[in-house]
């Protein structure tokens, strides 16, 4: 299956973030995986979904973290 690349604006909309937030994530080495093609930044939906999946935390993990 061919991957579809989307720009920062579309990625931000997909994730529910602002374009500025994604730019800040990139500047600080955080956030979803991205591809730099010349001066253009692109994302794949698969990478955005993977990043969201990595960020998921269960209620149990949060509660246990507070006890530590």
PDB file of N, CA and C in Angstrom:
ATOM      1  N   UNK A   1       0.841  -1.191   0.000  1.00  0.00           N
ATOM      2  CA  UNK A   1       0.000   0.000   0.000  1.00  0.00           C
ATOM      3  C   UNK A   1       0.883   1.250   0.000  1.00  0.00           C
ATOM      4  N   UNK A   2       0.578   2.175  -0.851  1.00  0.00           N
ATOM      5  CA  UNK A   2       1.341   3.412  -0.950  1.00  0.00           C
ATOM      6  C   UNK A   2       0.956   4.356   0.186  1.00  0.00           C
ATOM      7  N   UNK A   3       1.982   4.953   0.822  1.00  0.00           N
ATOM      8  CA  UNK A   3       1.710   5.882   1.912  1.00  0.00           C
ATOM      9  C   UNK A   3       1.320   7.250   1.346  1.00  0.00           C
ATOM     10  N   UNK A   4       0.372   7.867   2.014  1.00  0.00           N
ATOM     11  CA  UNK A   4      -0.076   9.194   1.625  1.00  0.00           C
ATOM     12  C   UNK A   4       0.551  10.200   2.573  1.00  0.00           C
ATOM     13  N   UNK A   5       1.192  11.199   2.046  1.00  0.00           N
ATOM     14  CA  UNK A   5       1.832  12.231   2.848  1.00  0.00           C
ATOM     15  C   UNK A   5       0.930  13.457   2.939  1.00  0.00           C
ATOM     16  N   UNK A   6       0.821  14.007   4.147  1.00  0.00           N
ATOM     17  CA  UNK A   6       0.019  15.214   4.339  1.00  0.00           C
ATOM     18  C   UNK A   6       0.908  16.303   4.944  1.00  0.00           C
ATOM     19  N   UNK A   7       0.497  17.542   4.764  1.00  0.00           N
ATOM     20  CA  UNK A   7       1.299  18.663   5.268  1.00  0.00           C
ATOM     21  C   UNK A   7       0.991  18.938   6.743  1.00  0.00           C
ATOM     22  N   UNK A   8       1.694  19.917   7.296  1.00  0.00           N
ATOM     23  CA  UNK A   8       1.572  20.235   8.718  1.00  0.00           C
ATOM     24  C   UNK A   8       0.164  20.677   9.085  1.00  0.00           C
ATOM     25  N   UNK A   9      -0.465  21.462   8.258  1.00  0.00           N
ATOM     26  CA  UNK A   9      -1.818  21.942   8.547  1.00  0.00           C
ATOM     27  C   UNK A   9      -2.797  20.766   8.626  1.00  0.00           C
ATOM     28  N   UNK A  10      -2.720  19.872   7.656  1.00  0.00           N
ATOM     29  CA  UNK A  10      -3.618  18.713   7.651  1.00  0.00           C
ATOM     30  C   UNK A  10      -3.316  17.784   8.825  1.00  0.00           C
ATOM     31  N   UNK A  11      -2.036  17.603   9.151  1.00  0.00           N
ATOM     32  CA  UNK A  11      -1.658  16.750  10.285  1.00  0.00           C
ATOM     33  C   UNK A  11      -2.166  17.342  11.595  1.00  0.00           C
ATOM     34  N   UNK A  12      -2.026  18.644  11.747  1.00  0.00           N
ATOM     35  CA  UNK A  12      -2.503  19.307  12.958  1.00  0.00           C
ATOM     36  C   UNK A  12      -4.019  19.146  13.094  1.00  0.00           C
ATOM     37  N   UNK A  13      -4.723  19.326  12.009  1.00  0.00           N
ATOM     38  CA  UNK A  13      -6.179  19.162  12.030  1.00  0.00           C
ATOM     39  C   UNK A  13      -6.551  17.717  12.371  1.00  0.00           C
ATOM     40  N   UNK A  14      -5.854  16.772  11.798  1.00  0.00           N
ATOM     41  CA  UNK A  14      -6.113  15.354  12.057  1.00  0.00           C
ATOM     42  C   UNK A  14      -5.926  15.017  13.534  1.00  0.00           C
ATOM     43  N   UNK A  15      -4.891  15.600  14.155  1.00  0.00           N
ATOM     44  CA  UNK A  15      -4.577  15.314  15.550  1.00  0.00           C
ATOM     45  C   UNK A  15      -5.341  16.182  16.545  1.00  0.00           C
ATOM     46  N   UNK A  16      -5.908  17.285  16.064  1.00  0.00           N
ATOM     47  CA  UNK A  16      -6.597  18.206  16.964  1.00  0.00           C
ATOM     48  C   UNK A  16      -5.646  19.182  17.633  1.00  0.00           C
ATOM     49  N   UNK A  17      -4.502  19.408  17.024  1.00  0.00           N
ATOM     50  CA  UNK A  17      -3.513  20.373  17.499  1.00  0.00           C
ATOM     51  C   UNK A  17      -3.460  21.555  16.541  1.00  0.00           C
ATOM     52  N   UNK A  18      -2.783  22.595  16.961  1.00  0.00           N
ATOM     53  CA  UNK A  18      -2.545  23.709  16.053  1.00  0.00           C
ATOM     54  C   UNK A  18      -1.283  23.431  15.246  1.00  0.00           C
ATOM     55  N   UNK A  19      -1.156  24.119  14.138  1.00  0.00           N
ATOM     56  CA  UNK A  19       0.060  24.021  13.325  1.00  0.00           C
ATOM     57  C   UNK A  19       1.271  24.425  14.157  1.00  0.00           C
ATOM     58  N   UNK A  20       1.094  25.460  14.962  1.00  0.00           N
ATOM     59  CA  UNK A  20       2.169  25.942  15.818  1.00  0.00           C
ATOM     60  C   UNK A  20       2.638  24.848  16.781  1.00  0.00           C
ATOM     61  N   UNK A  21       1.718  24.085  17.344  1.00  0.00           N
ATOM     62  CA  UNK A  21       2.090  23.000  18.261  1.00  0.00           C
ATOM     63  C   UNK A  21       2.971  21.976  17.567  1.00  0.00           C
ATOM     64  N   UNK A  22       2.593  21.567  16.357  1.00  0.00           N
ATOM     65  CA  UNK A  22       3.414  20.600  15.633  1.00  0.00           C
ATOM     66  C   UNK A  22       4.788  21.183  15.299  1.00  0.00           C
ATOM     67  N   UNK A  23       4.841  22.454  14.969  1.00  0.00           N
ATOM     68  CA  UNK A  23       6.130  23.099  14.699  1.00  0.00           C
ATOM     69  C   UNK A  23       7.004  23.107  15.954  1.00  0.00           C
ATOM     70  N   UNK A  24       6.391  23.354  17.100  1.00  0.00           N
ATOM     71  CA  UNK A  24       7.130  23.348  18.368  1.00  0.00           C
ATOM     72  C   UNK A  24       7.599  21.934  18.713  1.00  0.00           C
ATOM     73  N   UNK A  25       6.754  20.937  18.500  1.00  0.00           N
ATOM     74  CA  UNK A  25       7.166  19.555  18.726  1.00  0.00           C
ATOM     75  C   UNK A  25       8.416  19.244  17.902  1.00  0.00           C
ATOM     76  N   UNK A  26       8.397  19.612  16.631  1.00  0.00           N
ATOM     77  CA  UNK A  26       9.555  19.347  15.758  1.00  0.00           C
ATOM     78  C   UNK A  26      10.794  20.071  16.252  1.00  0.00           C
ATOM     79  N   UNK A  27      10.640  21.323  16.648  1.00  0.00           N
ATOM     80  CA  UNK A  27      11.773  22.122  17.101  1.00  0.00           C
ATOM     81  C   UNK A  27      12.427  21.537  18.344  1.00  0.00           C
ATOM     82  N   UNK A  28      11.628  20.847  19.160  1.00  0.00           N
ATOM     83  CA  UNK A  28      12.130  20.287  20.421  1.00  0.00           C
ATOM     84  C   UNK A  28      12.384  18.787  20.334  1.00  0.00           C
ATOM     85  N   UNK A  29      12.314  18.238  19.128  1.00  0.00           N
ATOM     86  CA  UNK A  29      12.590  16.818  18.945  1.00  0.00           C
ATOM     87  C   UNK A  29      11.533  15.905  19.518  1.00  0.00           C
ATOM     88  N   UNK A  30      10.303  16.389  19.598  1.00  0.00           N
ATOM     89  CA  UNK A  30       9.184  15.596  20.120  1.00  0.00           C
ATOM     90  C   UNK A  30       8.117  15.493  19.043  1.00  0.00           C
ATOM     91  N   UNK A  31       7.033  14.847  19.397  1.00  0.00           N
ATOM     92  CA  UNK A  31       5.918  14.772  18.460  1.00  0.00           C
ATOM     93  C   UNK A  31       6.045  13.620  17.497  1.00  0.00           C
ATOM     94  N   UNK A  32       5.140  13.579  16.528  1.00  0.00           N
ATOM     95  CA  UNK A  32       5.113  12.472  15.580  1.00  0.00           C
ATOM     96  C   UNK A  32       6.283  12.514  14.604  1.00  0.00           C
ATOM     97  N   UNK A  33       6.598  11.344  14.067  1.00  0.00           N
ATOM     98  CA  UNK A  33       7.629  11.224  13.043  1.00  0.00           C
ATOM     99  C   UNK A  33       7.217  12.076  11.843  1.00  0.00           C
ATOM    100  N   UNK A  34       8.189  12.750  11.246  1.00  0.00           N
ATOM    101  CA  UNK A  34       7.901  13.565  10.068  1.00  0.00           C
ATOM    102  C   UNK A  34       8.987  13.365   9.036  1.00  0.00           C
ATOM    103  N   UNK A  35       8.707  13.791   7.830  1.00  0.00           N
ATOM    104  CA  UNK A  35       9.632  13.660   6.714  1.00  0.00           C
ATOM    105  C   UNK A  35       9.916  15.045   6.156  1.00  0.00           C
ATOM    106  N   UNK A  36      11.176  15.348   5.995  1.00  0.00           N
ATOM    107  CA  UNK A  36      11.579  16.648   5.443  1.00  0.00           C
ATOM    108  C   UNK A  36      11.962  16.409   3.991  1.00  0.00           C
ATOM    109  N   UNK A  37      11.187  16.945   3.092  1.00  0.00           N
ATOM    110  CA  UNK A  37      11.420  16.804   1.660  1.00  0.00           C
ATOM    111  C   UNK A  37      11.778  18.172   1.106  1.00  0.00           C
ATOM    112  N   UNK A  38      13.073  18.454   1.050  1.00  0.00           N
ATOM    113  CA  UNK A  38      13.515  19.800   0.701  1.00  0.00           C
ATOM    114  C   UNK A  38      13.157  20.725   1.844  1.00  0.00           C
ATOM    115  N   UNK A  39      12.380  21.742   1.575  1.00  0.00           N
ATOM    116  CA  UNK A  39      11.938  22.653   2.636  1.00  0.00           C
ATOM    117  C   UNK A  39      10.524  22.321   3.116  1.00  0.00           C
ATOM    118  N   UNK A  40       9.978  21.221   2.626  1.00  0.00           N
ATOM    119  CA  UNK A  40       8.617  20.830   2.940  1.00  0.00           C
ATOM    120  C   UNK A  40       8.597  19.729   3.994  1.00  0.00           C
ATOM    121  N   UNK A  41       7.727  19.874   4.980  1.00  0.00           N
ATOM    122  CA  UNK A  41       7.546  18.860   6.019  1.00  0.00           C
ATOM    123  C   UNK A  41       6.269  18.094   5.720  1.00  0.00           C
ATOM    124  N   UNK A  42       6.355  16.774   5.802  1.00  0.00           N
ATOM    125  CA  UNK A  42       5.200  15.921   5.547  1.00  0.00           C
ATOM    126  C   UNK A  42       5.099  14.852   6.639  1.00  0.00           C
ATOM    127  N   UNK A  43       3.883  14.367   6.837  1.00  0.00           N
ATOM    128  CA  UNK A  43       3.581  13.312   7.793  1.00  0.00           C
ATOM    129  C   UNK A  43       2.785  12.238   7.068  1.00  0.00           C
ATOM    130  N   UNK A  44       2.785  11.022   7.629  1.00  0.00           N
ATOM    131  CA  UNK A  44       1.865   9.993   7.141  1.00  0.00           C
ATOM    132  C   UNK A  44       0.816   9.763   8.231  1.00  0.00           C
ATOM    133  N   UNK A  45      -0.366   9.375   7.809  1.00  0.00           N
ATOM    134  CA  UNK A  45      -1.440   9.060   8.754  1.00  0.00           C
ATOM    135  C   UNK A  45      -0.994   7.925   9.669  1.00  0.00           C
ATOM    136  N   UNK A  46      -0.294   6.949   9.118  1.00  0.00           N
ATOM    137  CA  UNK A  46       0.176   5.812   9.905  1.00  0.00           C
ATOM    138  C   UNK A  46       1.095   6.276  11.043  1.00  0.00           C
ATOM    139  N   UNK A  47       2.002   7.206  10.753  1.00  0.00           N
ATOM    140  CA  UNK A  47       2.913   7.722  11.777  1.00  0.00           C
ATOM    141  C   UNK A  47       2.171   8.551  12.815  1.00  0.00           C
ATOM    142  N   UNK A  48       1.173   9.313  12.388  1.00  0.00           N
ATOM    143  CA  UNK A  48       0.382  10.106  13.338  1.00  0.00           C
ATOM    144  C   UNK A  48      -0.387   9.180  14.279  1.00  0.00           C
ATOM    145  N   UNK A  49      -0.996   8.131  13.712  1.00  0.00           N
ATOM    146  CA  UNK A  49      -1.733   7.175  14.543  1.00  0.00           C
ATOM    147  C   UNK A  49      -0.798   6.449  15.512  1.00  0.00           C
ATOM    148  N   UNK A  50       0.396   6.105  15.058  1.00  0.00           N
ATOM    149  CA  UNK A  50       1.365   5.425  15.921  1.00  0.00           C
ATOM    150  C   UNK A  50       1.775   6.330  17.077  1.00  0.00           C
ATOM    151  N   UNK A  51       1.985   7.601  16.799  1.00  0.00           N
ATOM    152  CA  UNK A  51       2.381   8.547  17.838  1.00  0.00           C
ATOM    153  C   UNK A  51       1.279   8.700  18.895  1.00  0.00           C
ATOM    154  N   UNK A  52       0.047   8.786  18.448  1.00  0.00           N
ATOM    155  CA  UNK A  52      -1.076   8.876  19.382  1.00  0.00           C
ATOM    156  C   UNK A  52      -1.148   7.602  20.216  1.00  0.00           C
ATOM    157  N   UNK A  53      -0.951   6.448  19.592  1.00  0.00           N
ATOM    158  CA  UNK A  53      -0.983   5.176  20.311  1.00  0.00           C
ATOM    159  C   UNK A  53       0.096   5.083  21.375  1.00  0.00           C
ATOM    160  N   UNK A  54       1.278   5.619  21.090  1.00  0.00           N
ATOM    161  CA  UNK A  54       2.375   5.609  22.063  1.00  0.00           C
ATOM    162  C   UNK A  54       2.079   6.513  23.249  1.00  0.00           C
ATOM    163  N   UNK A  55       1.280   7.535  23.032  1.00  0.00           N
ATOM    164  CA  UNK A  55       0.993   8.517  24.081  1.00  0.00           C
ATOM    165  C   UNK A  55      -0.147   8.088  24.990  1.00  0.00           C
ATOM    166  N   UNK A  56      -0.840   7.012  24.640  1.00  0.00           N
ATOM    167  CA  UNK A  56      -1.979   6.570  25.449  1.00  0.00           C
ATOM    168  C   UNK A  56      -1.505   6.113  26.823  1.00  0.00           C
ATOM    169  N   UNK A  57      -2.233   6.507  27.838  1.00  0.00           N
ATOM    170  CA  UNK A  57      -1.964   6.111  29.214  1.00  0.00           C
ATOM    171  C   UNK A  57      -3.270   5.651  29.836  1.00  0.00           C
ATOM    172  N   UNK A  58      -3.214   4.534  30.512  1.00  0.00           N
ATOM    173  CA  UNK A  58      -4.428   4.051  31.169  1.00  0.00           C
ATOM    174  C   UNK A  58      -4.597   4.753  32.509  1.00  0.00           C
ATOM    175  N   UNK A  59      -5.804   4.743  33.019  1.00  0.00           N
ATOM    176  CA  UNK A  59      -6.078   5.337  34.335  1.00  0.00           C
ATOM    177  C   UNK A  59      -5.248   4.645  35.402  1.00  0.00           C
ATOM    178  N   UNK A  60      -5.091   3.337  35.282  1.00  0.00           N
ATOM    179  CA  UNK A  60      -4.311   2.571  36.255  1.00  0.00           C
ATOM    180  C   UNK A  60      -2.867   3.044  36.271  1.00  0.00           C
ATOM    181  N   UNK A  61      -2.276   3.306  35.115  1.00  0.00           N
ATOM    182  CA  UNK A  61      -0.892   3.783  35.054  1.00  0.00           C
ATOM    183  C   UNK A  61      -0.751   5.133  35.723  1.00  0.00           C
ATOM    184  N   UNK A  62      -1.707   6.009  35.518  1.00  0.00           N
ATOM    185  CA  UNK A  62      -1.666   7.339  36.130  1.00  0.00           C
ATOM    186  C   UNK A  62      -1.787   7.213  37.636  1.00  0.00           C
ATOM    187  N   UNK A  63      -2.726   6.410  38.113  1.00  0.00           N
ATOM    188  CA  UNK A  63      -2.924   6.222  39.545  1.00  0.00           C
ATOM    189  C   UNK A  63      -1.711   5.604  40.202  1.00  0.00           C
ATOM    190  N   UNK A  64      -1.127   4.582  39.587  1.00  0.00           N
ATOM    191  CA  UNK A  64       0.057   3.938  40.129  1.00  0.00           C
ATOM    192  C   UNK A  64       1.244   4.887  40.138  1.00  0.00           C
ATOM    193  N   UNK A  65       1.336   5.725  39.137  1.00  0.00           N
ATOM    194  CA  UNK A  65       2.423   6.697  39.060  1.00  0.00           C
ATOM    195  C   UNK A  65       2.377   7.700  40.210  1.00  0.00           C
ATOM    196  N   UNK A  66       1.189   8.036  40.667  1.00  0.00           N
ATOM    197  CA  UNK A  66       1.029   8.999  41.771  1.00  0.00           C
ATOM    198  C   UNK A  66       1.419   8.375  43.107  1.00  0.00           C
ATOM    199  N   UNK A  67       1.258   7.050  43.215  1.00  0.00           N
ATOM    200  CA  UNK A  67       1.602   6.369  44.454  1.00  0.00           C
ATOM    201  C   UNK A  67       3.109   6.248  44.649  1.00  0.00           C
ATOM    202  N   UNK A  68       3.828   6.205  43.543  1.00  0.00           N
ATOM    203  CA  UNK A  68       5.279   5.995  43.601  1.00  0.00           C
ATOM    204  C   UNK A  68       6.027   7.153  44.201  1.00  0.00           C
TER     205      UNK A  68
END
